[in-house]
């Protein structure tokens, strides 16, 4: 088991692959100013719902495992794939407030 702390950068939509398998991508950044790292995590099946309460910009800690597999193409070429699979997440505080996009007209001003 590994843990990574960072800032929620992108919360993806749930993708239904089959009746028994669904996945959701979640990207966390380390927030470095010059060379930020964007780490994509994959949450699967019932773990997809853990991301429902996470907002982009929120500080998070993700618990994850590394998974790897071997695949042989029909032409006999062997390839290796890895997945960073999240299985728990905790939010550190609340998400930043959204920017106020409404503007007041002259009639709304108190003076």
PDB file of N, CA and C in Angstrom:
ATOM      1  N   UNK A   1       0.840  -1.175   0.000  1.00  0.00           N
ATOM      2  CA  UNK A   1       0.000   0.000   0.000  1.00  0.00           C
ATOM      3  C   UNK A   1       0.890   1.245   0.000  1.00  0.00           C
ATOM      4  N   UNK A   2       0.498   2.214  -0.812  1.00  0.00           N
ATOM      5  CA  UNK A   2       1.207   3.480  -0.908  1.00  0.00           C
ATOM      6  C   UNK A   2       0.213   4.609  -0.667  1.00  0.00           C
ATOM      7  N   UNK A   3       0.758   5.800  -0.337  1.00  0.00           N
ATOM      8  CA  UNK A   3      -0.088   6.980  -0.170  1.00  0.00           C
ATOM      9  C   UNK A   3       0.548   8.149  -0.901  1.00  0.00           C
ATOM     10  N   UNK A   4      -0.310   9.035  -1.428  1.00  0.00           N
ATOM     11  CA  UNK A   4       0.174  10.217  -2.123  1.00  0.00           C
ATOM     12  C   UNK A   4      -0.698  11.399  -1.712  1.00  0.00           C
ATOM     13  N   UNK A   5      -0.049  12.488  -1.282  1.00  0.00           N
ATOM     14  CA  UNK A   5      -0.778  13.709  -0.928  1.00  0.00           C
ATOM     15  C   UNK A   5      -0.583  14.725  -2.042  1.00  0.00           C
ATOM     16  N   UNK A   6      -1.658  15.412  -2.376  1.00  0.00           N
ATOM     17  CA  UNK A   6      -1.577  16.430  -3.403  1.00  0.00           C
ATOM     18  C   UNK A   6      -2.880  17.176  -3.530  1.00  0.00           C
ATOM     19  N   UNK A   7      -3.079  17.780  -4.680  1.00  0.00           N
ATOM     20  CA  UNK A   7      -4.261  18.592  -4.957  1.00  0.00           C
ATOM     21  C   UNK A   7      -5.055  17.928  -6.073  1.00  0.00           C
ATOM     22  N   UNK A   8      -6.356  17.748  -5.841  1.00  0.00           N
ATOM     23  CA  UNK A   8      -7.225  17.150  -6.865  1.00  0.00           C
ATOM     24  C   UNK A   8      -7.212  18.056  -8.089  1.00  0.00           C
ATOM     25  N   UNK A   9      -6.787  17.515  -9.205  1.00  0.00           N
ATOM     26  CA  UNK A   9      -6.680  18.291 -10.440  1.00  0.00           C
ATOM     27  C   UNK A   9      -7.853  18.020 -11.371  1.00  0.00           C
ATOM     28  N   UNK A  10      -8.240  16.749 -11.515  1.00  0.00           N
ATOM     29  CA  UNK A  10      -9.352  16.398 -12.401  1.00  0.00           C
ATOM     30  C   UNK A  10     -10.052  15.159 -11.873  1.00  0.00           C
ATOM     31  N   UNK A  11     -11.374  15.276 -11.728  1.00  0.00           N
ATOM     32  CA  UNK A  11     -12.200  14.146 -11.328  1.00  0.00           C
ATOM     33  C   UNK A  11     -12.975  13.713 -12.568  1.00  0.00           C
ATOM     34  N   UNK A  12     -12.644  12.547 -13.094  1.00  0.00           N
ATOM     35  CA  UNK A  12     -13.272  12.076 -14.324  1.00  0.00           C
ATOM     36  C   UNK A  12     -14.656  11.499 -14.079  1.00  0.00           C
ATOM     37  N   UNK A  13     -15.338  11.227 -15.168  1.00  0.00           N
ATOM     38  CA  UNK A  13     -16.645  10.589 -15.115  1.00  0.00           C
ATOM     39  C   UNK A  13     -16.484   9.077 -15.016  1.00  0.00           C
ATOM     40  N   UNK A  14     -17.511   8.418 -14.512  1.00  0.00           N
ATOM     41  CA  UNK A  14     -17.501   6.968 -14.417  1.00  0.00           C
ATOM     42  C   UNK A  14     -17.692   6.388 -15.815  1.00  0.00           C
ATOM     43  N   UNK A  15     -16.834   5.452 -16.188  1.00  0.00           N
ATOM     44  CA  UNK A  15     -16.955   4.743 -17.462  1.00  0.00           C
ATOM     45  C   UNK A  15     -17.425   3.318 -17.174  1.00  0.00           C
ATOM     46  N   UNK A  16     -18.546   2.925 -17.760  1.00  0.00           N
ATOM     47  CA  UNK A  16     -19.037   1.564 -17.594  1.00  0.00           C
ATOM     48  C   UNK A  16     -18.473   0.722 -18.723  1.00  0.00           C
ATOM     49  N   UNK A  17     -17.626  -0.228 -18.375  1.00  0.00           N
ATOM     50  CA  UNK A  17     -16.968  -1.094 -19.352  1.00  0.00           C
ATOM     51  C   UNK A  17     -17.837  -2.317 -19.635  1.00  0.00           C
ATOM     52  N   UNK A  18     -18.426  -2.880 -18.576  1.00  0.00           N
ATOM     53  CA  UNK A  18     -19.323  -4.034 -18.700  1.00  0.00           C
ATOM     54  C   UNK A  18     -20.282  -4.014 -17.510  1.00  0.00           C
ATOM     55  N   UNK A  19     -21.164  -5.006 -17.443  1.00  0.00           N
ATOM     56  CA  UNK A  19     -22.104  -5.087 -16.321  1.00  0.00           C
ATOM     57  C   UNK A  19     -21.389  -5.228 -14.987  1.00  0.00           C
ATOM     58  N   UNK A  20     -20.184  -5.787 -15.007  1.00  0.00           N
ATOM     59  CA  UNK A  20     -19.462  -6.060 -13.768  1.00  0.00           C
ATOM     60  C   UNK A  20     -18.221  -5.195 -13.579  1.00  0.00           C
ATOM     61  N   UNK A  21     -17.965  -4.264 -14.498  1.00  0.00           N
ATOM     62  CA  UNK A  21     -16.748  -3.463 -14.379  1.00  0.00           C
ATOM     63  C   UNK A  21     -16.989  -2.026 -14.814  1.00  0.00           C
ATOM     64  N   UNK A  22     -16.628  -1.115 -13.920  1.00  0.00           N
ATOM     65  CA  UNK A  22     -16.638   0.307 -14.248  1.00  0.00           C
ATOM     66  C   UNK A  22     -15.397   0.940 -13.646  1.00  0.00           C
ATOM     67  N   UNK A  23     -14.959   2.053 -14.229  1.00  0.00           N
ATOM     68  CA  UNK A  23     -13.752   2.712 -13.738  1.00  0.00           C
ATOM     69  C   UNK A  23     -13.913   4.219 -13.824  1.00  0.00           C
ATOM     70  N   UNK A  24     -13.059   4.914 -13.073  1.00  0.00           N
ATOM     71  CA  UNK A  24     -13.100   6.369 -13.032  1.00  0.00           C
ATOM     72  C   UNK A  24     -11.686   6.884 -12.845  1.00  0.00           C
ATOM     73  N   UNK A  25     -11.267   7.816 -13.697  1.00  0.00           N
ATOM     74  CA  UNK A  25      -9.929   8.374 -13.595  1.00  0.00           C
ATOM     75  C   UNK A  25      -9.945   9.600 -12.692  1.00  0.00           C
ATOM     76  N   UNK A  26      -8.891   9.737 -11.923  1.00  0.00           N
ATOM     77  CA  UNK A  26      -8.741  10.837 -10.978  1.00  0.00           C
ATOM     78  C   UNK A  26      -7.286  11.290 -11.033  1.00  0.00           C
ATOM     79  N   UNK A  27      -7.057  12.571 -11.310  1.00  0.00           N
ATOM     80  CA  UNK A  27      -5.697  13.086 -11.451  1.00  0.00           C
ATOM     81  C   UNK A  27      -5.388  14.006 -10.275  1.00  0.00           C
ATOM     82  N   UNK A  28      -4.224  13.777  -9.671  1.00  0.00           N
ATOM     83  CA  UNK A  28      -3.751  14.578  -8.544  1.00  0.00           C
ATOM     84  C   UNK A  28      -2.433  15.216  -8.952  1.00  0.00           C
ATOM     85  N   UNK A  29      -2.249  16.486  -8.593  1.00  0.00           N
ATOM     86  CA  UNK A  29      -0.984  17.154  -8.870  1.00  0.00           C
ATOM     87  C   UNK A  29      -0.260  17.424  -7.557  1.00  0.00           C
ATOM     88  N   UNK A  30       1.056  17.477  -7.634  1.00  0.00           N
ATOM     89  CA  UNK A  30       1.846  17.755  -6.435  1.00  0.00           C
ATOM     90  C   UNK A  30       1.932  19.247  -6.155  1.00  0.00           C
ATOM     91  N   UNK A  31       1.493  20.079  -7.090  1.00  0.00           N
ATOM     92  CA  UNK A  31       1.459  21.525  -6.878  1.00  0.00           C
ATOM     93  C   UNK A  31       2.794  22.220  -7.035  1.00  0.00           C
ATOM     94  N   UNK A  32       3.801  21.545  -7.539  1.00  0.00           N
ATOM     95  CA  UNK A  32       5.107  22.182  -7.729  1.00  0.00           C
ATOM     96  C   UNK A  32       4.975  23.344  -8.709  1.00  0.00           C
ATOM     97  N   UNK A  33       5.644  24.439  -8.427  1.00  0.00           N
ATOM     98  CA  UNK A  33       5.518  25.640  -9.244  1.00  0.00           C
ATOM     99  C   UNK A  33       6.165  25.482 -10.618  1.00  0.00           C
ATOM    100  N   UNK A  34       7.382  24.964 -10.684  1.00  0.00           N
ATOM    101  CA  UNK A  34       8.093  24.927 -11.955  1.00  0.00           C
ATOM    102  C   UNK A  34       7.767  23.687 -12.789  1.00  0.00           C
ATOM    103  N   UNK A  35       7.805  22.524 -12.205  1.00  0.00           N
ATOM    104  CA  UNK A  35       7.568  21.284 -12.939  1.00  0.00           C
ATOM    105  C   UNK A  35       6.536  20.422 -12.208  1.00  0.00           C
ATOM    106  N   UNK A  36       5.264  20.815 -12.251  1.00  0.00           N
ATOM    107  CA  UNK A  36       4.253  20.029 -11.530  1.00  0.00           C
ATOM    108  C   UNK A  36       4.098  18.639 -12.140  1.00  0.00           C
ATOM    109  N   UNK A  37       3.823  17.682 -11.280  1.00  0.00           N
ATOM    110  CA  UNK A  37       3.584  16.306 -11.701  1.00  0.00           C
ATOM    111  C   UNK A  37       2.089  16.033 -11.626  1.00  0.00           C
ATOM    112  N   UNK A  38       1.551  15.374 -12.628  1.00  0.00           N
ATOM    113  CA  UNK A  38       0.135  15.021 -12.682  1.00  0.00           C
ATOM    114  C   UNK A  38       0.046  13.501 -12.640  1.00  0.00           C
ATOM    115  N   UNK A  39      -0.464  12.971 -11.540  1.00  0.00           N
ATOM    116  CA  UNK A  39      -0.492  11.533 -11.316  1.00  0.00           C
ATOM    117  C   UNK A  39      -1.916  11.026 -11.543  1.00  0.00           C
ATOM    118  N   UNK A  40      -2.128  10.173 -12.565  1.00  0.00           N
ATOM    119  CA  UNK A  40      -3.476   9.628 -12.811  1.00  0.00           C
ATOM    120  C   UNK A  40      -3.700   8.348 -12.002  1.00  0.00           C
ATOM    121  N   UNK A  41      -4.763   8.340 -11.234  1.00  0.00           N
ATOM    122  CA  UNK A  41      -5.180   7.165 -10.477  1.00  0.00           C
ATOM    123  C   UNK A  41      -6.433   6.605 -11.131  1.00  0.00           C
ATOM    124  N   UNK A  42      -6.623   5.306 -11.044  1.00  0.00           N
ATOM    125  CA  UNK A  42      -7.839   4.660 -11.534  1.00  0.00           C
ATOM    126  C   UNK A  42      -8.571   4.052 -10.350  1.00  0.00           C
ATOM    127  N   UNK A  43      -9.835   4.424 -10.193  1.00  0.00           N
ATOM    128  CA  UNK A  43     -10.699   3.811  -9.176  1.00  0.00           C
ATOM    129  C   UNK A  43     -11.659   2.900  -9.916  1.00  0.00           C
ATOM    130  N   UNK A  44     -11.892   1.703  -9.395  1.00  0.00           N
ATOM    131  CA  UNK A  44     -12.737   0.733 -10.100  1.00  0.00           C
ATOM    132  C   UNK A  44     -13.919   0.288  -9.242  1.00  0.00           C
ATOM    133  N   UNK A  45     -14.975  -0.107  -9.950  1.00  0.00           N
ATOM    134  CA  UNK A  45     -16.205  -0.660  -9.372  1.00  0.00           C
ATOM    135  C   UNK A  45     -16.726   0.191  -8.226  1.00  0.00           C
ATOM    136  N   UNK A  46     -16.933  -0.368  -7.035  1.00  0.00           N
ATOM    137  CA  UNK A  46     -17.539   0.389  -5.939  1.00  0.00           C
ATOM    138  C   UNK A  46     -16.652   1.527  -5.455  1.00  0.00           C
ATOM    139  N   UNK A  47     -15.368   1.506  -5.761  1.00  0.00           N
ATOM    140  CA  UNK A  47     -14.455   2.578  -5.341  1.00  0.00           C
ATOM    141  C   UNK A  47     -14.670   3.861  -6.159  1.00  0.00           C
ATOM    142  N   UNK A  48     -15.335   3.766  -7.316  1.00  0.00           N
ATOM    143  CA  UNK A  48     -15.626   4.952  -8.133  1.00  0.00           C
ATOM    144  C   UNK A  48     -16.416   5.981  -7.336  1.00  0.00           C
ATOM    145  N   UNK A  49     -17.316   5.501  -6.475  1.00  0.00           N
ATOM    146  CA  UNK A  49     -18.186   6.388  -5.712  1.00  0.00           C
ATOM    147  C   UNK A  49     -17.435   7.209  -4.669  1.00  0.00           C
ATOM    148  N   UNK A  50     -16.230   6.803  -4.297  1.00  0.00           N
ATOM    149  CA  UNK A  50     -15.446   7.560  -3.327  1.00  0.00           C
ATOM    150  C   UNK A  50     -15.101   8.952  -3.835  1.00  0.00           C
ATOM    151  N   UNK A  51     -15.105   9.129  -5.145  1.00  0.00           N
ATOM    152  CA  UNK A  51     -14.724  10.414  -5.727  1.00  0.00           C
ATOM    153  C   UNK A  51     -15.884  11.397  -5.822  1.00  0.00           C
ATOM    154  N   UNK A  52     -17.100  10.953  -5.508  1.00  0.00           N
ATOM    155  CA  UNK A  52     -18.272  11.833  -5.632  1.00  0.00           C
ATOM    156  C   UNK A  52     -18.165  13.082  -4.765  1.00  0.00           C
ATOM    157  N   UNK A  53     -17.523  12.986  -3.619  1.00  0.00           N
ATOM    158  CA  UNK A  53     -17.454  14.131  -2.701  1.00  0.00           C
ATOM    159  C   UNK A  53     -16.163  14.935  -2.849  1.00  0.00           C
ATOM    160  N   UNK A  54     -15.349  14.605  -3.830  1.00  0.00           N
ATOM    161  CA  UNK A  54     -14.074  15.297  -4.026  1.00  0.00           C
ATOM    162  C   UNK A  54     -14.244  16.382  -5.087  1.00  0.00           C
ATOM    163  N   UNK A  55     -13.742  17.570  -4.775  1.00  0.00           N
ATOM    164  CA  UNK A  55     -13.811  18.699  -5.715  1.00  0.00           C
ATOM    165  C   UNK A  55     -12.414  19.034  -6.219  1.00  0.00           C
ATOM    166  N   UNK A  56     -12.344  19.468  -7.449  1.00  0.00           N
ATOM    167  CA  UNK A  56     -11.067  19.889  -8.011  1.00  0.00           C
ATOM    168  C   UNK A  56     -10.535  21.071  -7.198  1.00  0.00           C
ATOM    169  N   UNK A  57      -9.251  21.050  -6.901  1.00  0.00           N
ATOM    170  CA  UNK A  57      -8.621  22.084  -6.093  1.00  0.00           C
ATOM    171  C   UNK A  57      -8.509  21.713  -4.625  1.00  0.00           C
ATOM    172  N   UNK A  58      -9.142  20.643  -4.220  1.00  0.00           N
ATOM    173  CA  UNK A  58      -9.141  20.203  -2.837  1.00  0.00           C
ATOM    174  C   UNK A  58      -7.877  19.408  -2.533  1.00  0.00           C
ATOM    175  N   UNK A  59      -7.324  19.575  -1.325  1.00  0.00           N
ATOM    176  CA  UNK A  59      -6.182  18.775  -0.905  1.00  0.00           C
ATOM    177  C   UNK A  59      -6.675  17.380  -0.540  1.00  0.00           C
ATOM    178  N   UNK A  60      -5.956  16.361  -1.037  1.00  0.00           N
ATOM    179  CA  UNK A  60      -6.371  14.982  -0.816  1.00  0.00           C
ATOM    180  C   UNK A  60      -5.178  14.107  -0.482  1.00  0.00           C
ATOM    181  N   UNK A  61      -5.485  12.962   0.102  1.00  0.00           N
ATOM    182  CA  UNK A  61      -4.499  11.902   0.288  1.00  0.00           C
ATOM    183  C   UNK A  61      -5.111  10.635  -0.284  1.00  0.00           C
ATOM    184  N   UNK A  62      -4.433  10.052  -1.266  1.00  0.00           N
ATOM    185  CA  UNK A  62      -4.931   8.863  -1.954  1.00  0.00           C
ATOM    186  C   UNK A  62      -4.125   7.653  -1.504  1.00  0.00           C
ATOM    187  N   UNK A  63      -4.833   6.592  -1.098  1.00  0.00           N
ATOM    188  CA  UNK A  63      -4.187   5.302  -0.820  1.00  0.00           C
ATOM    189  C   UNK A  63      -4.330   4.468  -2.084  1.00  0.00           C
ATOM    190  N   UNK A  64      -3.239   3.840  -2.518  1.00  0.00           N
ATOM    191  CA  UNK A  64      -3.269   3.147  -3.801  1.00  0.00           C
ATOM    192  C   UNK A  64      -2.339   1.944  -3.812  1.00  0.00           C
ATOM    193  N   UNK A  65      -2.524   1.121  -4.812  1.00  0.00           N
ATOM    194  CA  UNK A  65      -1.619  -0.003  -5.058  1.00  0.00           C
ATOM    195  C   UNK A  65      -1.165   0.062  -6.512  1.00  0.00           C
ATOM    196  N   UNK A  66      -0.003  -0.489  -6.773  1.00  0.00           N
ATOM    197  CA  UNK A  66       0.518  -0.570  -8.133  1.00  0.00           C
ATOM    198  C   UNK A  66       0.188  -1.940  -8.692  1.00  0.00           C
ATOM    199  N   UNK A  67      -0.337  -1.953  -9.896  1.00  0.00           N
ATOM    200  CA  UNK A  67      -0.670  -3.219 -10.545  1.00  0.00           C
ATOM    201  C   UNK A  67      -0.007  -3.251 -11.907  1.00  0.00           C
ATOM    202  N   UNK A  68       0.427  -4.426 -12.325  1.00  0.00           N
ATOM    203  CA  UNK A  68       1.067  -4.578 -13.618  1.00  0.00           C
ATOM    204  C   UNK A  68       0.624  -5.870 -14.276  1.00  0.00           C
ATOM    205  N   UNK A  69       0.666  -5.874 -15.599  1.00  0.00           N
ATOM    206  CA  UNK A  69       0.263  -7.082 -16.323  1.00  0.00           C
ATOM    207  C   UNK A  69       1.043  -7.179 -17.635  1.00  0.00           C
ATOM    208  N   UNK A  70       1.092  -8.388 -18.129  1.00  0.00           N
ATOM    209  CA  UNK A  70       1.760  -8.682 -19.397  1.00  0.00           C
ATOM    210  C   UNK A  70       0.691  -9.011 -20.429  1.00  0.00           C
ATOM    211  N   UNK A  71       0.900  -8.570 -21.665  1.00  0.00           N
ATOM    212  CA  UNK A  71      -0.038  -8.830 -22.755  1.00  0.00           C
ATOM    213  C   UNK A  71       0.753  -9.179 -24.002  1.00  0.00           C
ATOM    214  N   UNK A  72       0.304 -10.196 -24.700  1.00  0.00           N
ATOM    215  CA  UNK A  72       0.939 -10.600 -25.952  1.00  0.00           C
ATOM    216  C   UNK A  72      -0.025 -10.318 -27.094  1.00  0.00           C
ATOM    217  N   UNK A  73       0.433  -9.538 -28.067  1.00  0.00           N
ATOM    218  CA  UNK A  73      -0.402  -9.182 -29.215  1.00  0.00           C
ATOM    219  C   UNK A  73      -0.580 -10.406 -30.117  1.00  0.00           C
ATOM    220  N   UNK A  74      -1.555 -10.348 -31.027  1.00  0.00           N
ATOM    221  CA  UNK A  74      -1.728 -11.455 -31.977  1.00  0.00           C
ATOM    222  C   UNK A  74      -0.474 -11.709 -32.826  1.00  0.00           C
ATOM    223  N   UNK A  75       0.380 -10.687 -32.970  1.00  0.00           N
ATOM    224  CA  UNK A  75       1.616 -10.847 -33.733  1.00  0.00           C
ATOM    225  C   UNK A  75       2.757 -11.394 -32.880  1.00  0.00           C
ATOM    226  N   UNK A  76       2.491 -11.643 -31.597  1.00  0.00           N
ATOM    227  CA  UNK A  76       3.502 -12.214 -30.714  1.00  0.00           C
ATOM    228  C   UNK A  76       4.332 -11.189 -29.953  1.00  0.00           C
ATOM    229  N   UNK A  77       4.038  -9.908 -30.130  1.00  0.00           N
ATOM    230  CA  UNK A  77       4.793  -8.875 -29.427  1.00  0.00           C
ATOM    231  C   UNK A  77       4.306  -8.779 -27.975  1.00  0.00           C
ATOM    232  N   UNK A  78       5.240  -8.808 -27.040  1.00  0.00           N
ATOM    233  CA  UNK A  78       4.903  -8.749 -25.617  1.00  0.00           C
ATOM    234  C   UNK A  78       5.001  -7.299 -25.142  1.00  0.00           C
ATOM    235  N   UNK A  79       3.965  -6.856 -24.428  1.00  0.00           N
ATOM    236  CA  UNK A  79       3.948  -5.512 -23.846  1.00  0.00           C
ATOM    237  C   UNK A  79       3.573  -5.623 -22.383  1.00  0.00           C
ATOM    238  N   UNK A  80       4.011  -4.637 -21.614  1.00  0.00           N
ATOM    239  CA  UNK A  80       3.697  -4.583 -20.192  1.00  0.00           C
ATOM    240  C   UNK A  80       2.951  -3.291 -19.899  1.00  0.00           C
ATOM    241  N   UNK A  81       1.954  -3.385 -19.033  1.00  0.00           N
ATOM    242  CA  UNK A  81       1.134  -2.247 -18.664  1.00  0.00           C
ATOM    243  C   UNK A  81       1.108  -2.128 -17.150  1.00  0.00           C
ATOM    244  N   UNK A  82       1.006  -0.901 -16.667  1.00  0.00           N
ATOM    245  CA  UNK A  82       0.875  -0.689 -15.223  1.00  0.00           C
ATOM    246  C   UNK A  82      -0.319   0.218 -14.952  1.00  0.00           C
ATOM    247  N   UNK A  83      -0.875   0.065 -13.762  1.00  0.00           N
ATOM    248  CA  UNK A  83      -2.014   0.847 -13.323  1.00  0.00           C
ATOM    249  C   UNK A  83      -1.762   1.285 -11.887  1.00  0.00           C
ATOM    250  N   UNK A  84      -2.098   2.530 -11.593  1.00  0.00           N
ATOM    251  CA  UNK A  84      -2.072   3.016 -10.215  1.00  0.00           C
ATOM    252  C   UNK A  84      -3.527   3.013  -9.764  1.00  0.00           C
ATOM    253  N   UNK A  85      -3.888   2.011  -8.966  1.00  0.00           N
ATOM    254  CA  UNK A  85      -5.291   1.820  -8.598  1.00  0.00           C
ATOM    255  C   UNK A  85      -5.574   2.349  -7.194  1.00  0.00           C
ATOM    256  N   UNK A  86      -6.418   3.380  -7.139  1.00  0.00           N
ATOM    257  CA  UNK A  86      -6.797   3.963  -5.858  1.00  0.00           C
ATOM    258  C   UNK A  86      -7.860   3.120  -5.181  1.00  0.00           C
ATOM    259  N   UNK A  87      -7.772   3.023  -3.850  1.00  0.00           N
ATOM    260  CA  UNK A  87      -8.803   2.274  -3.125  1.00  0.00           C
ATOM    261  C   UNK A  87      -9.331   3.037  -1.922  1.00  0.00           C
ATOM    262  N   UNK A  88      -8.730   4.172  -1.577  1.00  0.00           N
ATOM    263  CA  UNK A  88      -9.232   5.021  -0.496  1.00  0.00           C
ATOM    264  C   UNK A  88      -8.771   6.443  -0.752  1.00  0.00           C
ATOM    265  N   UNK A  89      -9.556   7.400  -0.248  1.00  0.00           N
ATOM    266  CA  UNK A  89      -9.193   8.808  -0.408  1.00  0.00           C
ATOM    267  C   UNK A  89      -9.739   9.586   0.766  1.00  0.00           C
ATOM    268  N   UNK A  90      -8.947  10.540   1.235  1.00  0.00           N
ATOM    269  CA  UNK A  90      -9.423  11.431   2.290  1.00  0.00           C
ATOM    270  C   UNK A  90      -9.141  12.857   1.860  1.00  0.00           C
ATOM    271  N   UNK A  91     -10.085  13.731   2.161  1.00  0.00           N
ATOM    272  CA  UNK A  91      -9.956  15.146   1.811  1.00  0.00           C
ATOM    273  C   UNK A  91      -9.355  15.888   2.987  1.00  0.00           C
ATOM    274  N   UNK A  92      -8.457  16.787   2.700  1.00  0.00           N
ATOM    275  CA  UNK A  92      -7.806  17.602   3.720  1.00  0.00           C
ATOM    276  C   UNK A  92      -8.415  18.993   3.689  1.00  0.00           C
ATOM    277  N   UNK A  93      -9.489  19.223   4.395  1.00  0.00           N
ATOM    278  CA  UNK A  93     -10.145  20.529   4.386  1.00  0.00           C
ATOM    279  C   UNK A  93     -11.187  20.597   3.303  1.00  0.00           C
ATOM    280  N   UNK A  94     -11.615  21.788   3.007  1.00  0.00           N
ATOM    281  CA  UNK A  94     -12.680  21.961   2.018  1.00  0.00           C
ATOM    282  C   UNK A  94     -12.114  22.507   0.721  1.00  0.00           C
ATOM    283  N   UNK A  95     -12.893  22.354  -0.309  1.00  0.00           N
ATOM    284  CA  UNK A  95     -12.491  22.845  -1.631  1.00  0.00           C
ATOM    285  C   UNK A  95     -12.552  24.361  -1.654  1.00  0.00           C
ATOM    286  N   UNK A  96     -11.751  25.007  -2.497  1.00  0.00           N
ATOM    287  CA  UNK A  96     -11.829  26.451  -2.610  1.00  0.00           C
ATOM    288  C   UNK A  96     -13.195  26.878  -3.125  1.00  0.00           C
ATOM    289  N   UNK A  97     -13.629  28.015  -2.688  1.00  0.00           N
ATOM    290  CA  UNK A  97     -14.930  28.520  -3.134  1.00  0.00           C
ATOM    291  C   UNK A  97     -14.866  28.864  -4.610  1.00  0.00           C
ATOM    292  N   UNK A  98     -15.941  28.587  -5.349  1.00  0.00           N
ATOM    293  CA  UNK A  98     -15.938  28.949  -6.762  1.00  0.00           C
ATOM    294  C   UNK A  98     -15.908  30.459  -6.929  1.00  0.00           C
ATOM    295  N   UNK A  99     -15.350  30.904  -8.036  1.00  0.00           N
ATOM    296  CA  UNK A  99     -15.278  32.340  -8.307  1.00  0.00           C
ATOM    297  C   UNK A  99     -16.676  32.893  -8.518  1.00  0.00           C
ATOM    298  N   UNK A 100     -16.895  34.117  -8.069  1.00  0.00           N
ATOM    299  CA  UNK A 100     -18.193  34.767  -8.235  1.00  0.00           C
ATOM    300  C   UNK A 100     -18.277  35.282  -9.663  1.00  0.00           C
ATOM    301  N   UNK A 101     -19.184  34.718 -10.434  1.00  0.00           N
ATOM    302  CA  UNK A 101     -19.289  35.096 -11.840  1.00  0.00           C
ATOM    303  C   UNK A 101     -20.449  36.046 -12.102  1.00  0.00           C
ATOM    304  N   UNK A 102     -21.172  36.420 -11.063  1.00  0.00           N
ATOM    305  CA  UNK A 102     -22.282  37.354 -11.268  1.00  0.00           C
ATOM    306  C   UNK A 102     -21.752  38.766 -11.175  1.00  0.00           C
ATOM    307  N   UNK A 103     -22.368  39.652 -11.884  1.00  0.00           N
ATOM    308  CA  UNK A 103     -21.961  41.046 -11.817  1.00  0.00           C
ATOM    309  C   UNK A 103     -23.167  41.896 -11.458  1.00  0.00           C
ATOM    310  N   UNK A 104     -22.908  42.935 -10.712  1.00  0.00           N
ATOM    311  CA  UNK A 104     -23.991  43.825 -10.294  1.00  0.00           C
ATOM    312  C   UNK A 104     -24.198  44.900 -11.347  1.00  0.00           C
ATOM    313  N   UNK A 105     -25.448  45.234 -11.570  1.00  0.00           N
ATOM    314  CA  UNK A 105     -25.736  46.341 -12.473  1.00  0.00           C
ATOM    315  C   UNK A 105     -25.788  47.627 -11.643  1.00  0.00           C
ATOM    316  N   UNK A 106     -25.855  48.775 -12.305  1.00  0.00           N
ATOM    317  CA  UNK A 106     -25.916  50.052 -11.609  1.00  0.00           C
ATOM    318  C   UNK A 106     -27.141  50.126 -10.707  1.00  0.00           C
ATOM    319  N   UNK A 107     -28.218  49.439 -11.072  1.00  0.00           N
ATOM    320  CA  UNK A 107     -29.444  49.479 -10.284  1.00  0.00           C
ATOM    321  C   UNK A 107     -29.283  48.727  -8.967  1.00  0.00           C
ATOM    322  N   UNK A 108     -28.354  47.763  -8.886  1.00  0.00           N
ATOM    323  CA  UNK A 108     -28.172  46.972  -7.687  1.00  0.00           C
ATOM    324  C   UNK A 108     -27.274  47.647  -6.660  1.00  0.00           C
ATOM    325  N   UNK A 109     -26.562  48.691  -7.047  1.00  0.00           N
ATOM    326  CA  UNK A 109     -25.621  49.341  -6.140  1.00  0.00           C
ATOM    327  C   UNK A 109     -26.363  50.187  -5.112  1.00  0.00           C
ATOM    328  N   UNK A 110     -25.877  50.178  -3.848  1.00  0.00           N
ATOM    329  CA  UNK A 110     -26.576  50.897  -2.795  1.00  0.00           C
ATOM    330  C   UNK A 110     -26.343  52.403  -2.816  1.00  0.00           C
ATOM    331  N   UNK A 111     -25.536  52.937  -3.685  1.00  0.00           N
ATOM    332  CA  UNK A 111     -25.282  54.373  -3.722  1.00  0.00           C
ATOM    333  C   UNK A 111     -25.562  54.983  -5.049  1.00  0.00           C
TER     334      UNK A 111
END
